[in-house]
Amino acid sequence: MSDASTAAAVFDHAGVSVSDLERSRAFYADVLGFTTVEDAFEFKEKNLRGLVLVNATGTRVELFCREGSKPSGPHHPIESTSVQGWFQFAMRVPDIRHTYDSVVAAGATPIFEPRTAPDGVSLVAFVGDPDGNLVEFLQRAT
């Protein structure tokens, strides 16, 4: 049973491990709209660098780049469930077709075109970032 502190919690950010921090910063800024750098950090002893990026709504994504890291794979909405752990993050959008077409034209890897979500009324689509990490777009039924 949760207490009041977690029952009222608001999701703050998602963390993504990437192979090239500069390439991923450009993708998350130019393609997905995370344009503000809130924080940049480095842990030299761990060969780890990172950035916290924020979009216009205040949603954050934290990019981690560690020398020698390996892809988690598989990078597919269904096949990713064959391994345990976080495998995607989702962004709710008002016009999923426009968003999907725009981000694919800007360089995102198309994974699933917009389609009806499992709830039978919302729409869902998936793209991959430069490392294949999954980004879900969700247009909820109103």
N, C-alpha and C. Protein backbone atom coordinates (compact mmCIF):
# COMPACT_ATOMS: atom_id res chain seq x y z
N MET A 1 0.84 -1.17 0.00
CA MET A 1 0.00 0.00 0.00
C MET A 1 0.90 1.24 0.00
N SER A 2 0.61 2.21 -0.89
CA SER A 2 1.43 3.41 -0.96
C SER A 2 1.01 4.40 0.12
N ASP A 3 1.96 5.25 0.48
CA ASP A 3 1.60 6.31 1.41
C ASP A 3 1.31 7.58 0.60
N ALA A 4 0.93 8.65 1.25
CA ALA A 4 0.55 9.88 0.56
C ALA A 4 1.68 10.44 -0.28
N SER A 5 2.94 10.22 0.10
CA SER A 5 4.05 10.80 -0.65
C SER A 5 4.20 10.19 -2.04
N THR A 6 3.92 8.91 -2.20
CA THR A 6 4.02 8.32 -3.52
C THR A 6 2.70 8.34 -4.26
N ALA A 7 1.59 8.35 -3.55
CA ALA A 7 0.28 8.39 -4.21
C ALA A 7 0.09 9.69 -4.97
N ALA A 8 0.74 10.74 -4.53
CA ALA A 8 0.62 12.04 -5.20
C ALA A 8 1.84 12.38 -6.06
N ALA A 9 2.72 11.41 -6.26
CA ALA A 9 3.94 11.66 -7.03
C ALA A 9 3.61 11.95 -8.50
N VAL A 10 4.45 12.77 -9.12
CA VAL A 10 4.34 13.09 -10.54
C VAL A 10 5.60 12.58 -11.22
N PHE A 11 5.44 11.90 -12.33
CA PHE A 11 6.60 11.39 -13.07
C PHE A 11 7.48 12.55 -13.47
N ASP A 12 8.77 12.47 -13.21
CA ASP A 12 9.68 13.58 -13.46
C ASP A 12 10.51 13.42 -14.72
N HIS A 13 11.15 12.28 -14.93
CA HIS A 13 11.97 12.13 -16.13
C HIS A 13 12.23 10.66 -16.42
N ALA A 14 12.73 10.42 -17.63
CA ALA A 14 13.18 9.09 -18.03
C ALA A 14 14.67 9.18 -18.32
N GLY A 15 15.41 8.14 -18.00
CA GLY A 15 16.83 8.08 -18.28
C GLY A 15 17.09 7.11 -19.42
N VAL A 16 17.97 7.52 -20.34
CA VAL A 16 18.26 6.70 -21.51
C VAL A 16 19.78 6.59 -21.66
N SER A 17 20.27 5.37 -21.78
CA SER A 17 21.69 5.15 -22.04
C SER A 17 21.91 5.21 -23.55
N VAL A 18 22.88 6.03 -23.98
CA VAL A 18 23.14 6.24 -25.40
C VAL A 18 24.61 6.02 -25.71
N SER A 19 24.92 5.80 -26.97
CA SER A 19 26.30 5.54 -27.36
C SER A 19 27.08 6.80 -27.71
N ASP A 20 26.40 7.86 -28.11
CA ASP A 20 27.05 9.11 -28.54
C ASP A 20 26.23 10.27 -27.98
N LEU A 21 26.75 10.94 -26.97
CA LEU A 21 25.99 11.98 -26.27
C LEU A 21 25.63 13.14 -27.18
N GLU A 22 26.55 13.59 -28.00
CA GLU A 22 26.28 14.74 -28.87
C GLU A 22 25.23 14.40 -29.93
N ARG A 23 25.35 13.22 -30.54
CA ARG A 23 24.37 12.79 -31.54
C ARG A 23 22.99 12.66 -30.91
N SER A 24 22.92 12.08 -29.72
CA SER A 24 21.63 11.92 -29.05
C SER A 24 21.07 13.25 -28.59
N ARG A 25 21.93 14.15 -28.13
CA ARG A 25 21.44 15.49 -27.74
C ARG A 25 20.79 16.16 -28.95
N ALA A 26 21.42 16.10 -30.09
CA ALA A 26 20.85 16.70 -31.30
C ALA A 26 19.52 16.06 -31.65
N PHE A 27 19.43 14.74 -31.57
CA PHE A 27 18.18 14.04 -31.89
C PHE A 27 17.07 14.45 -30.93
N TYR A 28 17.32 14.37 -29.63
CA TYR A 28 16.29 14.68 -28.66
C TYR A 28 15.89 16.16 -28.70
N ALA A 29 16.81 17.04 -29.10
CA ALA A 29 16.48 18.46 -29.23
C ALA A 29 15.77 18.73 -30.56
N ASP A 30 16.42 18.38 -31.66
CA ASP A 30 15.92 18.75 -32.99
C ASP A 30 14.71 17.94 -33.44
N VAL A 31 14.64 16.68 -33.04
CA VAL A 31 13.55 15.81 -33.50
C VAL A 31 12.40 15.74 -32.50
N LEU A 32 12.74 15.65 -31.20
CA LEU A 32 11.70 15.46 -30.18
C LEU A 32 11.39 16.70 -29.36
N GLY A 33 12.13 17.79 -29.54
CA GLY A 33 11.79 19.05 -28.88
C GLY A 33 12.32 19.23 -27.46
N PHE A 34 13.26 18.41 -27.02
CA PHE A 34 13.89 18.59 -25.71
C PHE A 34 15.07 19.55 -25.90
N THR A 35 14.77 20.84 -25.95
CA THR A 35 15.76 21.83 -26.38
C THR A 35 16.54 22.50 -25.27
N THR A 36 16.06 22.46 -24.05
CA THR A 36 16.73 23.14 -22.94
C THR A 36 17.62 22.16 -22.19
N VAL A 37 18.89 22.54 -22.01
CA VAL A 37 19.80 21.74 -21.20
C VAL A 37 19.67 22.23 -19.76
N GLU A 38 19.10 21.39 -18.91
CA GLU A 38 18.92 21.75 -17.51
C GLU A 38 20.17 21.45 -16.69
N ASP A 39 20.88 20.40 -17.09
CA ASP A 39 22.06 19.99 -16.33
C ASP A 39 22.97 19.20 -17.26
N ALA A 40 24.26 19.33 -17.03
CA ALA A 40 25.27 18.52 -17.71
C ALA A 40 26.20 18.01 -16.61
N PHE A 41 26.60 16.74 -16.69
CA PHE A 41 27.42 16.18 -15.62
C PHE A 41 28.41 15.18 -16.19
N GLU A 42 29.42 14.91 -15.38
CA GLU A 42 30.44 13.95 -15.76
C GLU A 42 30.98 13.27 -14.51
N PHE A 43 31.16 11.96 -14.60
CA PHE A 43 31.82 11.18 -13.58
C PHE A 43 33.03 10.52 -14.24
N LYS A 44 34.16 11.24 -14.24
CA LYS A 44 35.34 10.79 -14.97
C LYS A 44 35.80 9.40 -14.55
N GLU A 45 35.73 9.12 -13.24
CA GLU A 45 36.20 7.82 -12.75
C GLU A 45 35.36 6.66 -13.29
N LYS A 46 34.17 6.94 -13.78
CA LYS A 46 33.28 5.92 -14.35
C LYS A 46 33.15 6.05 -15.87
N ASN A 47 33.90 6.99 -16.47
CA ASN A 47 33.78 7.25 -17.92
C ASN A 47 32.33 7.50 -18.32
N LEU A 48 31.65 8.32 -17.53
CA LEU A 48 30.22 8.59 -17.72
C LEU A 48 29.97 10.08 -17.84
N ARG A 49 29.24 10.46 -18.90
CA ARG A 49 28.80 11.84 -19.08
C ARG A 49 27.31 11.83 -19.29
N GLY A 50 26.68 12.96 -18.99
CA GLY A 50 25.24 13.01 -19.17
C GLY A 50 24.68 14.40 -19.27
N LEU A 51 23.45 14.45 -19.71
CA LEU A 51 22.68 15.69 -19.86
C LEU A 51 21.26 15.46 -19.41
N VAL A 52 20.65 16.48 -18.82
CA VAL A 52 19.22 16.48 -18.57
C VAL A 52 18.63 17.51 -19.52
N LEU A 53 17.74 17.05 -20.38
CA LEU A 53 17.08 17.93 -21.37
C LEU A 53 15.62 18.09 -21.00
N VAL A 54 15.08 19.28 -21.28
CA VAL A 54 13.69 19.60 -20.94
C VAL A 54 12.97 20.11 -22.18
N ASN A 55 11.70 19.71 -22.35
CA ASN A 55 10.91 20.26 -23.45
C ASN A 55 10.01 21.39 -22.94
N ALA A 56 9.20 21.95 -23.82
CA ALA A 56 8.38 23.11 -23.48
C ALA A 56 7.34 22.82 -22.40
N THR A 57 6.96 21.56 -22.21
CA THR A 57 5.97 21.23 -21.19
C THR A 57 6.61 20.93 -19.83
N GLY A 58 7.94 20.94 -19.78
CA GLY A 58 8.63 20.63 -18.54
C GLY A 58 8.98 19.16 -18.39
N THR A 59 8.68 18.35 -19.39
CA THR A 59 9.05 16.95 -19.38
C THR A 59 10.56 16.83 -19.59
N ARG A 60 11.18 15.93 -18.86
CA ARG A 60 12.63 15.78 -18.92
C ARG A 60 13.04 14.40 -19.42
N VAL A 61 14.19 14.37 -20.09
CA VAL A 61 14.85 13.13 -20.44
C VAL A 61 16.32 13.29 -20.06
N GLU A 62 16.86 12.26 -19.42
CA GLU A 62 18.24 12.29 -18.97
C GLU A 62 19.04 11.31 -19.85
N LEU A 63 20.03 11.85 -20.56
CA LEU A 63 20.86 11.04 -21.44
C LEU A 63 22.15 10.68 -20.72
N PHE A 64 22.49 9.39 -20.72
CA PHE A 64 23.73 8.91 -20.11
C PHE A 64 24.59 8.28 -21.21
N CYS A 65 25.86 8.66 -21.25
CA CYS A 65 26.78 8.06 -22.21
C CYS A 65 27.98 7.54 -21.43
N ARG A 66 28.12 6.22 -21.43
CA ARG A 66 29.23 5.59 -20.69
C ARG A 66 30.08 4.79 -21.66
N GLU A 67 31.35 5.06 -21.65
CA GLU A 67 32.27 4.35 -22.51
C GLU A 67 32.17 2.85 -22.26
N GLY A 68 32.04 2.08 -23.34
CA GLY A 68 31.94 0.63 -23.22
C GLY A 68 30.55 0.09 -22.99
N SER A 69 29.53 0.97 -22.94
CA SER A 69 28.16 0.47 -22.74
C SER A 69 27.73 -0.33 -23.96
N LYS A 70 26.77 -1.21 -23.75
CA LYS A 70 26.28 -2.09 -24.82
C LYS A 70 24.79 -1.88 -25.02
N PRO A 71 24.32 -2.05 -26.26
CA PRO A 71 22.87 -1.93 -26.51
C PRO A 71 22.08 -2.95 -25.71
N SER A 72 20.87 -2.56 -25.28
CA SER A 72 20.03 -3.47 -24.51
C SER A 72 19.26 -4.41 -25.41
N GLY A 73 18.74 -3.94 -26.52
CA GLY A 73 17.98 -4.70 -27.50
C GLY A 73 17.07 -5.75 -26.87
N PRO A 74 16.17 -6.37 -27.59
CA PRO A 74 15.80 -5.95 -28.93
C PRO A 74 14.98 -4.65 -28.89
N HIS A 75 15.05 -3.87 -29.95
CA HIS A 75 14.38 -2.57 -29.99
C HIS A 75 13.10 -2.66 -30.82
N HIS A 76 12.13 -3.33 -30.25
CA HIS A 76 10.83 -3.55 -30.88
C HIS A 76 9.80 -3.56 -29.77
N PRO A 77 8.66 -2.89 -29.96
CA PRO A 77 7.68 -2.78 -28.86
C PRO A 77 7.23 -4.10 -28.26
N ILE A 78 7.11 -5.14 -29.05
CA ILE A 78 6.67 -6.43 -28.52
C ILE A 78 7.87 -7.27 -28.09
N GLU A 79 8.88 -7.38 -28.93
CA GLU A 79 10.04 -8.21 -28.62
C GLU A 79 10.83 -7.70 -27.43
N SER A 80 10.77 -6.39 -27.15
CA SER A 80 11.48 -5.83 -26.00
C SER A 80 10.99 -6.41 -24.68
N THR A 81 9.78 -6.91 -24.67
CA THR A 81 9.25 -7.48 -23.43
C THR A 81 9.86 -8.84 -23.12
N SER A 82 10.73 -9.36 -24.01
CA SER A 82 11.38 -10.65 -23.75
C SER A 82 12.53 -10.51 -22.75
N VAL A 83 12.93 -9.28 -22.46
CA VAL A 83 13.92 -9.03 -21.41
C VAL A 83 13.29 -8.10 -20.39
N GLN A 84 13.70 -8.22 -19.15
CA GLN A 84 13.09 -7.40 -18.11
C GLN A 84 13.78 -6.05 -18.01
N GLY A 85 13.04 -5.05 -17.61
CA GLY A 85 13.58 -3.70 -17.45
C GLY A 85 12.83 -2.71 -18.32
N TRP A 86 13.12 -1.44 -18.12
CA TRP A 86 12.48 -0.39 -18.91
C TRP A 86 12.93 -0.52 -20.36
N PHE A 87 12.00 -0.37 -21.29
CA PHE A 87 12.38 -0.50 -22.69
C PHE A 87 11.82 0.58 -23.59
N GLN A 88 11.10 1.54 -23.03
CA GLN A 88 10.54 2.62 -23.82
C GLN A 88 10.14 3.75 -22.91
N PHE A 89 9.89 4.92 -23.50
CA PHE A 89 9.16 5.95 -22.78
C PHE A 89 8.16 6.53 -23.75
N ALA A 90 7.06 7.05 -23.22
CA ALA A 90 5.96 7.50 -24.07
C ALA A 90 5.71 8.99 -23.89
N MET A 91 5.33 9.63 -24.99
CA MET A 91 4.97 11.04 -24.99
C MET A 91 3.56 11.16 -25.55
N ARG A 92 2.67 11.78 -24.79
CA ARG A 92 1.30 11.99 -25.25
C ARG A 92 1.30 13.18 -26.19
N VAL A 93 0.69 13.03 -27.36
CA VAL A 93 0.65 14.08 -28.38
C VAL A 93 -0.78 14.29 -28.86
N PRO A 94 -1.10 15.50 -29.35
CA PRO A 94 -2.47 15.76 -29.79
C PRO A 94 -2.78 15.24 -31.19
N ASP A 95 -1.77 15.11 -32.06
CA ASP A 95 -1.99 14.67 -33.45
C ASP A 95 -0.89 13.66 -33.79
N ILE A 96 -1.17 12.39 -33.55
CA ILE A 96 -0.15 11.37 -33.67
C ILE A 96 0.37 11.21 -35.10
N ARG A 97 -0.48 11.31 -36.09
CA ARG A 97 -0.04 11.16 -37.48
C ARG A 97 0.95 12.28 -37.83
N HIS A 98 0.61 13.51 -37.47
CA HIS A 98 1.51 14.63 -37.75
C HIS A 98 2.84 14.46 -37.01
N THR A 99 2.78 14.11 -35.73
CA THR A 99 4.00 13.92 -34.94
C THR A 99 4.86 12.82 -35.53
N TYR A 100 4.26 11.68 -35.81
CA TYR A 100 5.00 10.54 -36.34
C TYR A 100 5.68 10.91 -37.67
N ASP A 101 4.91 11.47 -38.59
CA ASP A 101 5.47 11.84 -39.90
C ASP A 101 6.59 12.86 -39.75
N SER A 102 6.42 13.83 -38.85
CA SER A 102 7.43 14.87 -38.65
C SER A 102 8.72 14.32 -38.08
N VAL A 103 8.62 13.48 -37.06
CA VAL A 103 9.85 12.97 -36.44
C VAL A 103 10.57 11.97 -37.35
N VAL A 104 9.83 11.19 -38.13
CA VAL A 104 10.46 10.29 -39.08
C VAL A 104 11.16 11.10 -40.17
N ALA A 105 10.51 12.15 -40.66
CA ALA A 105 11.14 13.01 -41.67
C ALA A 105 12.40 13.69 -41.13
N ALA A 106 12.42 13.92 -39.81
CA ALA A 106 13.56 14.59 -39.19
C ALA A 106 14.68 13.61 -38.81
N GLY A 107 14.47 12.31 -38.99
CA GLY A 107 15.54 11.36 -38.75
C GLY A 107 15.27 10.23 -37.78
N ALA A 108 14.10 10.19 -37.15
CA ALA A 108 13.78 9.07 -36.27
C ALA A 108 13.59 7.81 -37.11
N THR A 109 13.91 6.68 -36.55
CA THR A 109 13.71 5.40 -37.24
C THR A 109 12.27 4.96 -37.07
N PRO A 110 11.53 4.76 -38.18
CA PRO A 110 10.15 4.30 -38.03
C PRO A 110 10.11 2.86 -37.52
N ILE A 111 9.28 2.61 -36.52
CA ILE A 111 9.12 1.26 -35.97
C ILE A 111 7.68 0.78 -36.21
N PHE A 112 6.69 1.48 -35.65
CA PHE A 112 5.27 1.19 -35.87
C PHE A 112 4.58 2.48 -36.27
N GLU A 113 3.93 2.48 -37.42
CA GLU A 113 3.11 3.64 -37.79
C GLU A 113 1.93 3.74 -36.85
N PRO A 114 1.28 4.91 -36.78
CA PRO A 114 0.12 5.06 -35.90
C PRO A 114 -0.93 3.98 -36.16
N ARG A 115 -1.43 3.45 -35.05
CA ARG A 115 -2.45 2.40 -35.11
C ARG A 115 -3.25 2.42 -33.81
N THR A 116 -4.34 1.69 -33.80
CA THR A 116 -5.16 1.61 -32.60
C THR A 116 -4.39 0.91 -31.49
N ALA A 117 -4.42 1.50 -30.32
CA ALA A 117 -3.74 0.94 -29.14
C ALA A 117 -4.53 -0.24 -28.59
N PRO A 118 -3.93 -1.03 -27.72
CA PRO A 118 -4.64 -2.16 -27.13
C PRO A 118 -5.94 -1.80 -26.41
N ASP A 119 -6.09 -0.53 -25.97
CA ASP A 119 -7.34 -0.16 -25.30
C ASP A 119 -8.51 -0.04 -26.27
N GLY A 120 -8.20 -0.10 -27.57
CA GLY A 120 -9.24 -0.08 -28.59
C GLY A 120 -9.73 1.30 -29.00
N VAL A 121 -9.26 2.36 -28.33
CA VAL A 121 -9.73 3.71 -28.66
C VAL A 121 -8.60 4.73 -28.85
N SER A 122 -7.50 4.55 -28.16
CA SER A 122 -6.37 5.47 -28.31
C SER A 122 -5.55 5.06 -29.53
N LEU A 123 -4.63 5.92 -29.94
CA LEU A 123 -3.71 5.62 -31.03
C LEU A 123 -2.29 5.57 -30.48
N VAL A 124 -1.46 4.71 -31.07
CA VAL A 124 -0.10 4.53 -30.61
C VAL A 124 0.82 4.41 -31.83
N ALA A 125 2.06 4.89 -31.68
CA ALA A 125 3.08 4.75 -32.72
C ALA A 125 4.44 4.67 -32.03
N PHE A 126 5.42 4.09 -32.70
CA PHE A 126 6.77 3.97 -32.14
C PHE A 126 7.81 4.40 -33.15
N VAL A 127 8.86 5.05 -32.64
CA VAL A 127 10.04 5.37 -33.42
C VAL A 127 11.26 4.98 -32.60
N GLY A 128 12.41 4.92 -33.25
CA GLY A 128 13.66 4.65 -32.55
C GLY A 128 14.56 5.87 -32.58
N ASP A 129 15.31 6.06 -31.49
CA ASP A 129 16.31 7.13 -31.46
C ASP A 129 17.57 6.63 -32.17
N PRO A 130 18.66 7.38 -32.22
CA PRO A 130 19.84 6.94 -32.96
C PRO A 130 20.43 5.61 -32.49
N ASP A 131 20.16 5.21 -31.24
CA ASP A 131 20.64 3.93 -30.74
C ASP A 131 19.57 2.85 -30.78
N GLY A 132 18.40 3.16 -31.32
CA GLY A 132 17.32 2.19 -31.39
C GLY A 132 16.42 2.18 -30.17
N ASN A 133 16.71 3.02 -29.16
CA ASN A 133 15.84 3.10 -27.99
C ASN A 133 14.45 3.52 -28.42
N LEU A 134 13.43 2.89 -27.86
CA LEU A 134 12.06 3.12 -28.30
C LEU A 134 11.44 4.36 -27.67
N VAL A 135 10.80 5.15 -28.53
CA VAL A 135 9.99 6.30 -28.11
C VAL A 135 8.58 6.03 -28.61
N GLU A 136 7.64 6.03 -27.68
CA GLU A 136 6.23 5.80 -28.03
C GLU A 136 5.51 7.14 -28.08
N PHE A 137 4.65 7.30 -29.07
CA PHE A 137 3.74 8.44 -29.12
C PHE A 137 2.34 7.89 -28.87
N LEU A 138 1.59 8.60 -28.05
CA LEU A 138 0.26 8.15 -27.68
C LEU A 138 -0.72 9.31 -27.83
N GLN A 139 -1.78 9.06 -28.59
CA GLN A 139 -2.88 10.01 -28.72
C GLN A 139 -4.07 9.38 -28.04
N ARG A 140 -4.37 9.87 -26.83
CA ARG A 140 -5.47 9.30 -26.05
C ARG A 140 -6.81 9.76 -26.61
N ALA A 141 -7.79 8.87 -26.54
CA ALA A 141 -9.14 9.23 -26.93
C ALA A 141 -9.68 10.22 -25.91
N THR A 142 -10.42 11.21 -26.38
CA THR A 142 -10.95 12.21 -25.45
C THR A 142 -12.37 11.90 -25.06
